[in-house]
PDB file of N, CA and C in Angstrom:
ATOM      1  N   MET A   1     -99.169 242.003 153.301  1.00  0.00           N
ATOM      2  CA  MET A   1     -97.734 241.788 153.359  1.00  0.00           C
ATOM      3  C   MET A   1     -96.976 243.085 153.094  1.00  0.00           C
ATOM      4  N   ILE A   2     -97.536 243.926 152.226  1.00  0.00           N
ATOM      5  CA  ILE A   2     -96.878 245.211 151.950  1.00  0.00           C
ATOM      6  C   ILE A   2     -96.784 246.026 153.225  1.00  0.00           C
ATOM      7  N   GLU A   3     -97.878 246.014 154.026  1.00  0.00           N
ATOM      8  CA  GLU A   3     -97.868 246.769 155.285  1.00  0.00           C
ATOM      9  C   GLU A   3     -96.826 246.231 156.261  1.00  0.00           C
ATOM     10  N   LEU A   4     -96.442 244.984 156.115  1.00  0.00           N
ATOM     11  CA  LEU A   4     -95.434 244.380 156.979  1.00  0.00           C
ATOM     12  C   LEU A   4     -94.013 244.615 156.482  1.00  0.00           C
ATOM     13  N   GLY A   5     -93.879 245.324 155.361  1.00  0.00           N
ATOM     14  CA  GLY A   5     -92.553 245.654 154.860  1.00  0.00           C
ATOM     15  C   GLY A   5     -92.064 244.802 153.706  1.00  0.00           C
ATOM     16  N   TYR A   6     -92.883 243.913 153.204  1.00  0.00           N
ATOM     17  CA  TYR A   6     -92.492 243.074 152.075  1.00  0.00           C
ATOM     18  C   TYR A   6     -93.001 243.720 150.790  1.00  0.00           C
ATOM     19  N   LYS A   7     -92.269 244.728 150.313  1.00  0.00           N
ATOM     20  CA  LYS A   7     -92.755 245.548 149.208  1.00  0.00           C
ATOM     21  C   LYS A   7     -92.907 244.788 147.891  1.00  0.00           C
ATOM     22  N   ASP A   8     -92.130 243.752 147.688  1.00  0.00           N
ATOM     23  CA  ASP A   8     -92.188 243.010 146.431  1.00  0.00           C
ATOM     24  C   ASP A   8     -92.935 241.687 146.566  1.00  0.00           C
ATOM     25  N   PHE A   9     -93.687 241.527 147.635  1.00  0.00           N
ATOM     26  CA  PHE A   9     -94.387 240.267 147.875  1.00  0.00           C
ATOM     27  C   PHE A   9     -95.490 240.045 146.839  1.00  0.00           C
ATOM     28  N   VAL A  10     -95.468 238.890 146.234  1.00  0.00           N
ATOM     29  CA  VAL A  10     -96.502 238.511 145.272  1.00  0.00           C
ATOM     30  C   VAL A  10     -96.916 237.088 145.601  1.00  0.00           C
ATOM     31  N   SER A  11     -98.198 236.891 145.704  1.00  0.00           N
ATOM     32  CA  SER A  11     -98.692 235.547 145.941  1.00  0.00           C
ATOM     33  C   SER A  11    -100.065 235.413 145.309  1.00  0.00           C
ATOM     34  N   ASP A  12    -100.249 234.350 144.608  1.00  0.00           N
ATOM     35  CA  ASP A  12    -101.567 234.048 144.086  1.00  0.00           C
ATOM     36  C   ASP A  12    -101.697 232.539 143.997  1.00  0.00           C
ATOM     37  N   THR A  13    -102.868 232.105 143.696  1.00  0.00           N
ATOM     38  CA  THR A  13    -103.103 230.680 143.534  1.00  0.00           C
ATOM     39  C   THR A  13    -103.698 230.449 142.153  1.00  0.00           C
ATOM     40  N   PHE A  14    -103.653 229.222 141.733  1.00  0.00           N
ATOM     41  CA  PHE A  14    -104.323 228.895 140.484  1.00  0.00           C
ATOM     42  C   PHE A  14    -104.886 227.487 140.599  1.00  0.00           C
ATOM     43  N   GLN A  15    -105.863 227.242 139.814  1.00  0.00           N
ATOM     44  CA  GLN A  15    -106.489 225.928 139.770  1.00  0.00           C
ATOM     45  C   GLN A  15    -106.542 225.478 138.323  1.00  0.00           C
ATOM     46  N   GLY A  16    -106.471 224.213 138.135  1.00  0.00           N
ATOM     47  CA  GLY A  16    -106.544 223.698 136.782  1.00  0.00           C
ATOM     48  C   GLY A  16    -106.919 222.229 136.794  1.00  0.00           C
ATOM     49  N   PHE A  17    -107.206 221.745 135.636  1.00  0.00           N
ATOM     50  CA  PHE A  17    -107.514 220.331 135.464  1.00  0.00           C
ATOM     51  C   PHE A  17    -106.278 219.628 134.937  1.00  0.00           C
ATOM     52  N   SER A  18    -106.128 218.384 135.297  1.00  0.00           N
ATOM     53  CA  SER A  18    -105.018 217.601 134.756  1.00  0.00           C
ATOM     54  C   SER A  18    -105.526 216.224 134.365  1.00  0.00           C
ATOM     55  N   ALA A  19    -104.765 215.568 133.533  1.00  0.00           N
ATOM     56  CA  ALA A  19    -105.093 214.220 133.081  1.00  0.00           C
ATOM     57  C   ALA A  19    -103.838 213.362 133.212  1.00  0.00           C
ATOM     58  N   ARG A  20    -104.036 212.099 133.197  1.00  0.00           N
ATOM     59  CA  ARG A  20    -102.897 211.183 133.289  1.00  0.00           C
ATOM     60  C   ARG A  20    -101.928 211.415 132.138  1.00  0.00           C
ATOM     61  N   VAL A  21    -100.680 211.149 132.406  1.00  0.00           N
ATOM     62  CA  VAL A  21     -99.663 211.236 131.359  1.00  0.00           C
ATOM     63  C   VAL A  21    -100.063 210.284 130.236  1.00  0.00           C
ATOM     64  N   ASN A  22     -99.758 210.644 129.039  1.00  0.00           N
ATOM     65  CA  ASN A  22    -100.063 209.849 127.842  1.00  0.00           C
ATOM     66  C   ASN A  22    -101.557 209.772 127.519  1.00  0.00           C
ATOM     67  N   THR A  23    -102.366 210.664 128.104  1.00  0.00           N
ATOM     68  CA  THR A  23    -103.761 210.738 127.680  1.00  0.00           C
ATOM     69  C   THR A  23    -103.752 211.199 126.225  1.00  0.00           C
ATOM     70  N   PRO A  24    -104.478 210.524 125.360  1.00  0.00           N
ATOM     71  CA  PRO A  24    -104.459 210.900 123.938  1.00  0.00           C
ATOM     72  C   PRO A  24    -104.842 212.377 123.741  1.00  0.00           C
ATOM     73  N   SER A  25    -104.115 213.031 122.849  1.00  0.00           N
ATOM     74  CA  SER A  25    -104.345 214.456 122.576  1.00  0.00           C
ATOM     75  C   SER A  25    -105.793 214.795 122.248  1.00  0.00           C
ATOM     76  N   PRO A  26    -106.488 213.985 121.445  1.00  0.00           N
ATOM     77  CA  PRO A  26    -107.881 214.342 121.156  1.00  0.00           C
ATOM     78  C   PRO A  26    -108.749 214.399 122.425  1.00  0.00           C
ATOM     79  N   ILE A  27    -108.452 213.543 123.385  1.00  0.00           N
ATOM     80  CA  ILE A  27    -109.225 213.550 124.647  1.00  0.00           C
ATOM     81  C   ILE A  27    -108.876 214.805 125.445  1.00  0.00           C
ATOM     82  N   VAL A  28    -107.579 215.119 125.535  1.00  0.00           N
ATOM     83  CA  VAL A  28    -107.159 216.325 126.259  1.00  0.00           C
ATOM     84  C   VAL A  28    -107.801 217.556 125.627  1.00  0.00           C
ATOM     85  N   GLU A  29    -107.765 217.641 124.311  1.00  0.00           N
ATOM     86  CA  GLU A  29    -108.340 218.797 123.622  1.00  0.00           C
ATOM     87  C   GLU A  29    -109.847 218.892 123.825  1.00  0.00           C
ATOM     88  N   LEU A  30    -110.538 217.752 123.808  1.00  0.00           N
ATOM     89  CA  LEU A  30    -111.976 217.752 124.036  1.00  0.00           C
ATOM     90  C   LEU A  30    -112.309 218.218 125.455  1.00  0.00           C
ATOM     91  N   LEU A  31    -111.616 217.652 126.447  1.00  0.00           N
ATOM     92  CA  LEU A  31    -111.845 218.058 127.837  1.00  0.00           C
ATOM     93  C   LEU A  31    -111.538 219.538 128.037  1.00  0.00           C
ATOM     94  N   SER A  32    -110.463 220.000 127.408  1.00  0.00           N
ATOM     95  CA  SER A  32    -110.088 221.405 127.508  1.00  0.00           C
ATOM     96  C   SER A  32    -111.168 222.297 126.902  1.00  0.00           C
ATOM     97  N   ALA A  33    -111.593 221.964 125.698  1.00  0.00           N
ATOM     98  CA  ALA A  33    -112.602 222.786 125.012  1.00  0.00           C
ATOM     99  C   ALA A  33    -113.900 222.843 125.813  1.00  0.00           C
ATOM    100  N   LYS A  34    -114.333 221.709 126.336  1.00  0.00           N
ATOM    101  CA  LYS A  34    -115.572 221.672 127.127  1.00  0.00           C
ATOM    102  C   LYS A  34    -115.414 222.469 128.417  1.00  0.00           C
ATOM    103  N   SER A  35    -114.283 222.326 129.081  1.00  0.00           N
ATOM    104  CA  SER A  35    -114.035 223.056 130.333  1.00  0.00           C
ATOM    105  C   SER A  35    -114.007 224.564 130.097  1.00  0.00           C
ATOM    106  N   ILE A  36    -113.316 224.979 129.051  1.00  0.00           N
ATOM    107  CA  ILE A  36    -113.234 226.409 128.733  1.00  0.00           C
ATOM    108  C   ILE A  36    -114.619 226.949 128.386  1.00  0.00           C
ATOM    109  N   ALA A  37    -115.389 226.194 127.634  1.00  0.00           N
ATOM    110  CA  ALA A  37    -116.744 226.640 127.285  1.00  0.00           C
ATOM    111  C   ALA A  37    -117.593 226.838 128.543  1.00  0.00           C
ATOM    112  N   ILE A  38    -117.483 225.927 129.488  1.00  0.00           N
ATOM    113  CA  ILE A  38    -118.238 226.050 130.746  1.00  0.00           C
ATOM    114  C   ILE A  38    -117.769 227.270 131.532  1.00  0.00           C
ATOM    115  N   LEU A  39    -116.445 227.443 131.635  1.00  0.00           N
ATOM    116  CA  LEU A  39    -115.911 228.578 132.395  1.00  0.00           C
ATOM    117  C   LEU A  39    -116.301 229.920 131.788  1.00  0.00           C
ATOM    118  N   LYS A  40    -116.560 229.944 130.490  1.00  0.00           N
ATOM    119  CA  LYS A  40    -116.913 231.197 129.816  1.00  0.00           C
ATOM    120  C   LYS A  40    -118.413 231.485 129.817  1.00  0.00           C
ATOM    121  N   THR A  41    -119.217 230.547 130.296  1.00  0.00           N
ATOM    122  CA  THR A  41    -120.647 230.842 130.365  1.00  0.00           C
ATOM    123  C   THR A  41    -120.858 231.960 131.376  1.00  0.00           C
ATOM    124  N   PRO A  42    -121.764 232.878 131.099  1.00  0.00           N
ATOM    125  CA  PRO A  42    -121.963 234.015 132.003  1.00  0.00           C
ATOM    126  C   PRO A  42    -122.247 233.598 133.447  1.00  0.00           C
ATOM    127  N   LYS A  43    -123.068 232.582 133.643  1.00  0.00           N
ATOM    128  CA  LYS A  43    -123.413 232.171 135.003  1.00  0.00           C
ATOM    129  C   LYS A  43    -122.178 231.718 135.790  1.00  0.00           C
ATOM    130  N   ILE A  44    -121.380 230.868 135.190  1.00  0.00           N
ATOM    131  CA  ILE A  44    -120.186 230.347 135.881  1.00  0.00           C
ATOM    132  C   ILE A  44    -119.136 231.446 136.027  1.00  0.00           C
ATOM    133  N   ALA A  45    -118.862 232.177 134.958  1.00  0.00           N
ATOM    134  CA  ALA A  45    -117.853 233.244 135.015  1.00  0.00           C
ATOM    135  C   ALA A  45    -118.232 234.291 136.057  1.00  0.00           C
ATOM    136  N   ASP A  46    -119.501 234.685 136.100  1.00  0.00           N
ATOM    137  CA  ASP A  46    -119.947 235.682 137.093  1.00  0.00           C
ATOM    138  C   ASP A  46    -119.803 235.146 138.508  1.00  0.00           C
ATOM    139  N   GLN A  47    -120.164 233.889 138.712  1.00  0.00           N
ATOM    140  CA  GLN A  47    -120.052 233.304 140.054  1.00  0.00           C
ATOM    141  C   GLN A  47    -118.595 233.265 140.511  1.00  0.00           C
ATOM    142  N   LEU A  48    -117.707 232.868 139.634  1.00  0.00           N
ATOM    143  CA  LEU A  48    -116.291 232.823 139.987  1.00  0.00           C
ATOM    144  C   LEU A  48    -115.760 234.224 140.299  1.00  0.00           C
ATOM    145  N   ARG A  49    -116.135 235.199 139.490  1.00  0.00           N
ATOM    146  CA  ARG A  49    -115.705 236.579 139.749  1.00  0.00           C
ATOM    147  C   ARG A  49    -116.283 237.090 141.068  1.00  0.00           C
ATOM    148  N   ASN A  50    -117.541 236.778 141.338  1.00  0.00           N
ATOM    149  CA  ASN A  50    -118.166 237.193 142.599  1.00  0.00           C
ATOM    150  C   ASN A  50    -117.480 236.562 143.805  1.00  0.00           C
ATOM    151  N   ASP A  51    -116.893 235.400 143.602  1.00  0.00           N
ATOM    152  CA  ASP A  51    -116.151 234.726 144.670  1.00  0.00           C
ATOM    153  C   ASP A  51    -114.713 235.227 144.771  1.00  0.00           C
ATOM    154  N   GLY A  52    -114.340 236.183 143.919  1.00  0.00           N
ATOM    155  CA  GLY A  52    -113.001 236.769 143.970  1.00  0.00           C
ATOM    156  C   GLY A  52    -111.987 236.137 143.042  1.00  0.00           C
ATOM    157  N   SER A  53    -112.440 235.301 142.132  1.00  0.00           N
ATOM    158  CA  SER A  53    -111.525 234.643 141.210  1.00  0.00           C
ATOM    159  C   SER A  53    -111.458 235.403 139.892  1.00  0.00           C
ATOM    160  N   GLU A  54    -110.322 235.274 139.242  1.00  0.00           N
ATOM    161  CA  GLU A  54    -110.157 235.789 137.886  1.00  0.00           C
ATOM    162  C   GLU A  54    -110.160 234.579 136.961  1.00  0.00           C
ATOM    163  N   VAL A  55    -111.012 234.591 135.980  1.00  0.00           N
ATOM    164  CA  VAL A  55    -111.143 233.444 135.090  1.00  0.00           C
ATOM    165  C   VAL A  55    -110.177 233.587 133.928  1.00  0.00           C
ATOM    166  N   LEU A  56    -109.180 232.709 133.898  1.00  0.00           N
ATOM    167  CA  LEU A  56    -108.204 232.675 132.810  1.00  0.00           C
ATOM    168  C   LEU A  56    -108.207 231.260 132.248  1.00  0.00           C
ATOM    169  N   ALA A  57    -109.038 231.007 131.301  1.00  0.00           N
ATOM    170  CA  ALA A  57    -109.142 229.676 130.714  1.00  0.00           C
ATOM    171  C   ALA A  57    -108.181 229.587 129.544  1.00  0.00           C
ATOM    172  N   SER A  58    -107.012 229.027 129.766  1.00  0.00           N
ATOM    173  CA  SER A  58    -105.959 229.077 128.755  1.00  0.00           C
ATOM    174  C   SER A  58    -105.643 227.741 128.105  1.00  0.00           C
ATOM    175  N   GLY A  59    -106.276 226.673 128.494  1.00  0.00           N
ATOM    176  CA  GLY A  59    -106.052 225.386 127.863  1.00  0.00           C
ATOM    177  C   GLY A  59    -104.759 224.716 128.283  1.00  0.00           C
ATOM    178  N   PRO A  60    -104.462 223.570 127.666  1.00  0.00           N
ATOM    179  CA  PRO A  60    -103.287 222.787 128.060  1.00  0.00           C
ATOM    180  C   PRO A  60    -101.962 223.542 127.937  1.00  0.00           C
ATOM    181  N   ASP A  61    -101.781 224.317 126.882  1.00  0.00           N
ATOM    182  CA  ASP A  61    -100.516 225.049 126.723  1.00  0.00           C
ATOM    183  C   ASP A  61    -100.343 226.098 127.813  1.00  0.00           C
ATOM    184  N   GLY A  62    -101.427 226.783 128.142  1.00  0.00           N
ATOM    185  CA  GLY A  62    -101.365 227.772 129.213  1.00  0.00           C
ATOM    186  C   GLY A  62    -101.058 227.137 130.557  1.00  0.00           C
ATOM    187  N   MET A  63    -101.629 225.971 130.814  1.00  0.00           N
ATOM    188  CA  MET A  63    -101.362 225.267 132.074  1.00  0.00           C
ATOM    189  C   MET A  63     -99.909 224.805 132.136  1.00  0.00           C
ATOM    190  N   ARG A  64     -99.411 224.262 131.032  1.00  0.00           N
ATOM    191  CA  ARG A  64     -97.996 223.844 131.002  1.00  0.00           C
ATOM    192  C   ARG A  64     -97.075 225.024 131.286  1.00  0.00           C
ATOM    193  N   LYS A  65     -97.373 226.166 130.668  1.00  0.00           N
ATOM    194  CA  LYS A  65     -96.545 227.362 130.883  1.00  0.00           C
ATOM    195  C   LYS A  65     -96.621 227.820 132.327  1.00  0.00           C
ATOM    196  N   ARG A  66     -97.818 227.835 132.901  1.00  0.00           N
ATOM    197  CA  ARG A  66     -97.971 228.281 134.291  1.00  0.00           C
ATOM    198  C   ARG A  66     -97.142 227.400 135.223  1.00  0.00           C
ATOM    199  N   ILE A  67     -97.233 226.092 135.050  1.00  0.00           N
ATOM    200  CA  ILE A  67     -96.464 225.176 135.895  1.00  0.00           C
ATOM    201  C   ILE A  67     -94.973 225.390 135.679  1.00  0.00           C
ATOM    202  N   ALA A  68     -94.549 225.523 134.429  1.00  0.00           N
ATOM    203  CA  ALA A  68     -93.126 225.746 134.136  1.00  0.00           C
ATOM    204  C   ALA A  68     -92.644 227.049 134.762  1.00  0.00           C
ATOM    205  N   ASP A  69     -93.497 228.068 134.785  1.00  0.00           N
ATOM    206  CA  ASP A  69     -93.130 229.346 135.406  1.00  0.00           C
ATOM    207  C   ASP A  69     -93.072 229.244 136.931  1.00  0.00           C
ATOM    208  N   GLU A  70     -93.927 228.430 137.520  1.00  0.00           N
ATOM    209  CA  GLU A  70     -94.008 228.313 138.981  1.00  0.00           C
ATOM    210  C   GLU A  70     -92.872 227.483 139.575  1.00  0.00           C
ATOM    211  N   VAL A  71     -92.458 226.439 138.890  1.00  0.00           N
ATOM    212  CA  VAL A  71     -91.497 225.497 139.465  1.00  0.00           C
ATOM    213  C   VAL A  71     -90.205 226.166 139.938  1.00  0.00           C
ATOM    214  N   PRO A  72     -89.542 226.989 139.125  1.00  0.00           N
ATOM    215  CA  PRO A  72     -88.294 227.596 139.609  1.00  0.00           C
ATOM    216  C   PRO A  72     -88.504 228.472 140.848  1.00  0.00           C
ATOM    217  N   THR A  73     -89.579 229.214 140.879  1.00  0.00           N
ATOM    218  CA  THR A  73     -89.858 230.084 142.034  1.00  0.00           C
ATOM    219  C   THR A  73     -89.994 229.265 143.303  1.00  0.00           C
ATOM    220  N   TRP A  74     -90.833 228.252 143.252  1.00  0.00           N
ATOM    221  CA  TRP A  74     -91.077 227.456 144.459  1.00  0.00           C
ATOM    222  C   TRP A  74     -89.896 226.572 144.799  1.00  0.00           C
ATOM    223  N   ARG A  75     -89.134 226.112 143.799  1.00  0.00           N
ATOM    224  CA  ARG A  75     -87.933 225.333 144.085  1.00  0.00           C
ATOM    225  C   ARG A  75     -86.957 226.184 144.899  1.00  0.00           C
ATOM    226  N   ASP A  76     -86.806 227.452 144.517  1.00  0.00           N
ATOM    227  CA  ASP A  76     -85.912 228.358 145.226  1.00  0.00           C
ATOM    228  C   ASP A  76     -86.422 228.642 146.645  1.00  0.00           C
ATOM    229  N   ILE A  77     -87.684 228.911 146.784  1.00  0.00           N
ATOM    230  CA  ILE A  77     -88.263 229.197 148.107  1.00  0.00           C
ATOM    231  C   ILE A  77     -88.093 227.992 149.026  1.00  0.00           C
ATOM    232  N   ILE A  78     -88.380 226.807 148.521  1.00  0.00           N
ATOM    233  CA  ILE A  78     -88.259 225.590 149.315  1.00  0.00           C
ATOM    234  C   ILE A  78     -86.811 225.367 149.732  1.00  0.00           C
ATOM    235  N   ALA A  79     -85.876 225.569 148.813  1.00  0.00           N
ATOM    236  CA  ALA A  79     -84.457 225.382 149.134  1.00  0.00           C
ATOM    237  C   ALA A  79     -83.993 226.386 150.177  1.00  0.00           C
ATOM    238  N   ARG A  80     -84.352 227.667 150.003  1.00  0.00           N
ATOM    239  CA  ARG A  80     -83.927 228.684 150.960  1.00  0.00           C
ATOM    240  C   ARG A  80     -84.537 228.482 152.349  1.00  0.00           C
ATOM    241  N   ALA A  81     -85.738 227.929 152.378  1.00  0.00           N
ATOM    242  CA  ALA A  81     -86.400 227.686 153.661  1.00  0.00           C
ATOM    243  C   ALA A  81     -85.922 226.387 154.305  1.00  0.00           C
ATOM    244  N   GLY A  82     -85.156 225.587 153.570  1.00  0.00           N
ATOM    245  CA  GLY A  82     -84.648 224.334 154.107  1.00  0.00           C
ATOM    246  C   GLY A  82     -85.731 223.275 154.276  1.00  0.00           C
ATOM    247  N   ILE A  83     -86.771 223.364 153.489  1.00  0.00           N
ATOM    248  CA  ILE A  83     -87.863 222.391 153.592  1.00  0.00           C
ATOM    249  C   ILE A  83     -87.423 221.071 152.974  1.00  0.00           C
ATOM    250  N   LYS A  84     -87.634 220.005 153.711  1.00  0.00           N
ATOM    251  CA  LYS A  84     -87.250 218.664 153.245  1.00  0.00           C
ATOM    252  C   LYS A  84     -88.488 217.776 153.232  1.00  0.00           C
ATOM    253  N   PRO A  85     -88.546 216.802 152.327  1.00  0.00           N
ATOM    254  CA  PRO A  85     -89.677 215.878 152.333  1.00  0.00           C
ATOM    255  C   PRO A  85     -89.674 215.041 153.607  1.00  0.00           C
ATOM    256  N   VAL A  86     -90.846 214.659 154.004  1.00  0.00           N
ATOM    257  CA  VAL A  86     -90.949 213.825 155.217  1.00  0.00           C
ATOM    258  C   VAL A  86     -91.141 212.379 154.863  1.00  0.00           C
TER     259      VAL A  86
END
């Protein structure tokens, strides 16, 4: 995109796990801890890095922050592009 003249273009993706609303905190914390432990194992972390991913296992608070940070950006892009639900 930089070569096309979009000097400030930034785009990335992220993946995360989610649970139903009102899932008890102890369950969320357990799932988070187990998921982070798996992502930090050398075999899994190396495979993800070899596939071009950056492993940022930040838990529920990190996921909430990421979503909160993304929403305004994409809300603005969608509005400016005139995208409407079908």
